[in-house]
Protein backbone atom coordinates (compact mmCIF):
# COMPACT_ATOMS: atom_id res chain seq x y z
CA MET A 1 29.30 -14.76 -132.38
CA VAL A 2 27.17 -15.27 -135.50
CA LEU A 3 24.41 -16.90 -133.47
CA LEU A 4 24.47 -14.03 -131.00
CA GLN A 5 24.14 -11.47 -133.81
CA ALA A 6 21.34 -13.46 -135.46
CA GLU A 7 19.47 -13.58 -132.16
CA MET A 8 20.03 -9.91 -131.36
CA LEU A 9 19.00 -8.76 -134.84
CA GLU A 10 16.10 -11.24 -134.82
CA LEU A 11 17.09 -12.68 -138.20
CA LYS A 12 14.47 -15.20 -139.24
CA ALA A 13 13.60 -16.93 -142.50
CA ALA A 14 10.01 -17.33 -143.62
CA ALA A 15 9.14 -20.99 -143.07
CA ASP A 16 5.82 -20.75 -144.93
CA ALA A 17 7.29 -19.30 -148.15
CA PRO A 18 8.12 -21.45 -151.19
CA ALA A 19 11.33 -23.37 -150.51
CA ARG A 20 14.58 -22.01 -151.84
CA GLY A 21 18.03 -23.44 -151.23
CA VAL A 22 21.56 -23.82 -152.57
CA VAL A 23 23.27 -27.03 -153.69
CA ILE A 24 26.40 -27.44 -151.58
CA GLU A 25 27.31 -30.95 -152.73
CA ALA A 26 26.21 -33.22 -155.58
CA GLN A 27 26.94 -36.83 -156.39
CA LEU A 28 25.72 -39.77 -158.44
CA ASP A 29 24.82 -42.75 -156.30
CA LYS A 30 24.54 -46.14 -158.03
CA ALA A 31 21.44 -47.12 -156.07
CA MET A 32 19.67 -43.76 -155.67
CA GLY A 33 20.71 -41.86 -158.82
CA PRO A 34 21.60 -38.16 -158.81
CA LEU A 35 21.36 -36.60 -155.39
CA ALA A 36 22.42 -33.33 -153.84
CA THR A 37 22.96 -31.87 -150.42
CA VAL A 38 20.91 -28.68 -150.30
CA LEU A 39 21.04 -25.95 -147.69
CA VAL A 40 17.47 -24.66 -147.38
CA ARG A 41 17.65 -20.88 -147.03
CA GLN A 42 13.97 -19.97 -147.15
CA GLY A 43 10.69 -21.83 -146.85
CA THR A 44 10.19 -25.48 -145.98
CA LEU A 45 11.07 -28.24 -148.45
CA ARG A 46 8.82 -31.30 -148.22
CA VAL A 47 8.70 -34.72 -149.82
CA GLY A 48 6.56 -34.47 -152.97
CA ASP A 49 7.37 -30.81 -153.71
CA ALA A 50 8.11 -29.98 -157.35
CA PHE A 51 11.28 -27.97 -157.90
CA VAL A 52 13.70 -26.63 -160.45
CA CYS A 53 17.44 -26.56 -159.86
CA GLY A 54 19.66 -25.21 -162.62
CA SER A 55 18.44 -26.92 -165.79
CA ALA A 56 16.98 -29.88 -163.87
CA SER A 57 13.35 -30.20 -162.88
CA ALA A 58 11.96 -32.88 -160.61
CA LYS A 59 9.90 -33.81 -157.61
CA VAL A 60 11.37 -34.51 -154.18
CA ARG A 61 11.26 -38.32 -153.84
CA ALA A 62 12.96 -38.37 -150.45
CA LEU A 63 14.77 -36.14 -148.00
CA LEU A 64 17.64 -37.55 -145.96
CA ALA A 65 19.40 -36.08 -142.96
CA SER A 66 23.20 -36.08 -142.78
CA ASP A 67 23.10 -39.52 -141.10
CA ARG A 68 21.00 -40.83 -144.04
CA SER A 69 17.81 -41.16 -141.99
CA ARG A 70 14.62 -40.11 -143.75
CA VAL A 71 12.94 -36.82 -142.88
CA ASP A 72 9.59 -35.49 -144.09
CA GLU A 73 10.49 -31.83 -144.31
CA ALA A 74 13.43 -29.45 -144.11
CA PRO A 75 12.84 -26.04 -142.51
CA PRO A 76 15.09 -23.01 -143.20
CA SER A 77 18.81 -23.31 -142.34
CA THR A 78 18.71 -27.09 -142.64
CA ALA A 79 21.01 -29.12 -144.87
CA VAL A 80 19.33 -32.19 -146.39
CA ILE A 81 20.12 -34.70 -149.10
CA VAL A 82 17.50 -34.42 -151.84
CA LEU A 83 16.62 -37.40 -154.04
CA GLY A 84 14.59 -37.04 -157.23
CA PHE A 85 16.82 -35.13 -159.65
CA ASN A 86 16.51 -36.10 -163.31
CA GLU A 87 20.11 -34.96 -163.96
CA MET A 88 23.15 -34.05 -161.92
CA PRO A 89 22.88 -30.58 -160.39
CA LYS A 90 25.92 -28.36 -160.13
CA VAL A 91 27.34 -27.08 -156.88
CA GLY A 92 26.03 -23.56 -156.37
CA ASP A 93 22.78 -24.11 -158.31
CA VAL A 94 19.72 -22.63 -156.65
CA LEU A 95 16.85 -25.01 -155.88
CA GLN A 96 13.45 -23.32 -156.15
CA GLN A 97 10.14 -24.89 -155.26
CA THR A 98 7.46 -24.48 -157.94
CA ALA A 99 3.69 -24.83 -157.89
CA ASP A 100 3.74 -28.06 -159.90
CA GLU A 101 5.92 -30.27 -162.07
CA LYS A 102 4.65 -28.67 -165.28
CA GLU A 103 5.93 -25.24 -164.21
CA ALA A 104 9.25 -26.76 -163.10
CA ARG A 105 9.70 -28.49 -166.47
CA TYR A 106 8.91 -25.27 -168.34
CA ILE A 107 11.46 -23.25 -166.34
CA ALA A 108 14.10 -25.98 -166.74
CA GLU A 109 13.54 -26.18 -170.51
CA GLN A 110 13.89 -22.39 -170.80
CA ARG A 111 17.15 -22.46 -168.85
CA ALA A 112 18.52 -25.36 -170.90
CA SER A 113 17.59 -23.58 -174.14
CA THR A 114 19.31 -20.39 -173.00
CA TYR A 115 22.41 -22.38 -172.01
CA ARG A 116 22.53 -24.14 -175.43
CA GLU A 117 22.20 -20.80 -177.23
CA GLU A 118 25.01 -19.29 -175.16
CA GLN A 119 27.27 -22.29 -175.86
CA LEU A 120 26.54 -22.14 -179.60
CA ALA A 121 27.18 -18.40 -179.72
CA ALA A 122 30.47 -18.80 -177.86
CA ARG A 123 31.57 -21.62 -180.18
CA CYS A 124 30.64 -19.65 -183.31
CA PHE A 125 32.45 -16.58 -181.97
CA PHE A 126 35.58 -18.65 -181.32
CA GLU A 127 35.45 -20.24 -184.78
CA LEU A 128 34.91 -16.89 -186.49
CA ALA A 129 37.80 -15.34 -184.53
CA PHE A 130 39.94 -18.30 -185.55
CA LEU A 131 38.89 -17.84 -189.18
CA GLN A 132 39.80 -14.16 -189.10
CA THR A 133 43.20 -14.97 -187.64
CA VAL A 134 43.93 -17.77 -190.10
CA SER A 135 42.51 -16.02 -193.14
CA HIS A 136 44.98 -13.20 -192.74
CA GLY A 137 47.36 -15.22 -194.92
CA LEU A 138 44.64 -16.53 -197.29
CA GLN A 139 42.74 -15.01 -200.18
CA PHE A 140 38.94 -15.55 -200.15
CA HIS A 141 37.07 -16.47 -203.36
CA GLY A 142 33.47 -15.43 -202.69
CA ALA A 143 31.71 -17.34 -205.46
CA ASP A 144 32.68 -20.85 -204.33
CA HIS A 145 33.46 -20.02 -200.67
CA SER A 146 37.03 -21.25 -200.90
CA PHE A 147 40.37 -19.98 -199.71
CA GLU A 148 43.67 -20.00 -201.55
CA PRO A 149 46.96 -19.59 -199.73
CA GLN A 150 48.91 -16.44 -200.46
CA GLN A 151 52.05 -17.90 -198.95
CA GLN A 152 53.48 -21.40 -198.76
CA SER A 153 53.49 -21.40 -194.93
CA VAL A 154 49.69 -21.50 -194.69
CA ILE A 155 48.97 -24.36 -197.12
CA GLY A 156 48.45 -26.82 -194.23
CA ILE A 157 45.83 -24.54 -192.72
CA ARG A 158 43.45 -24.83 -195.67
CA GLY A 159 41.97 -28.10 -194.43
CA VAL A 160 41.37 -26.62 -190.99
CA VAL A 161 39.67 -23.55 -192.47
CA ASP A 162 37.42 -25.73 -194.66
CA ALA A 163 36.46 -27.85 -191.64
CA VAL A 164 35.59 -24.76 -189.60
CA LEU A 165 33.49 -23.37 -192.46
CA ILE A 166 31.59 -26.65 -192.79
CA ARG A 167 30.92 -26.80 -189.03
CA HIS A 168 29.80 -23.16 -189.01
CA LYS A 169 27.37 -23.76 -191.91
CA ARG A 170 25.95 -26.83 -190.13
CA ALA A 171 25.45 -24.80 -186.95
CA GLU A 172 23.62 -22.09 -188.90
CA ASN A 173 21.40 -24.66 -190.63
CA ALA A 174 20.56 -26.35 -187.32
CA THR A 175 19.09 -23.15 -185.88
């Protein structure tokens, strides 16, 4: 039914456009390194093409069909195993062909930087929320950045609060 609709609606992908696909499976092979099965959705992916996929950038070293035979190119709507990743891609990552490896590296570095910033912000938010929750039973001394328990039940928490403060200061100094 889907094929009939595609034929009737004349749905076609541009084979001459820059390649774009989706990672549908990823694995680490001992002999070949990181590899991923990619469903090419647009364009034609060829051996030697530079690409970016998630925070990974690389060049296609080889394309393998599902039976592990080598192919030179993958037109739209073809699933191929791509070799050449510098790190493991994630399932669902979009593979995009770039003009050259330099552009691919730049895009991958920007994505990795954004990801690190998001992770740091989330961690700091969690630690600050934890501090606010814990400090409800503590009295803050601003001059020496220390906490004193107001009740006996929170004495054991002082070490945890100090550790969180130290980690938070290190994170601020690192940026």
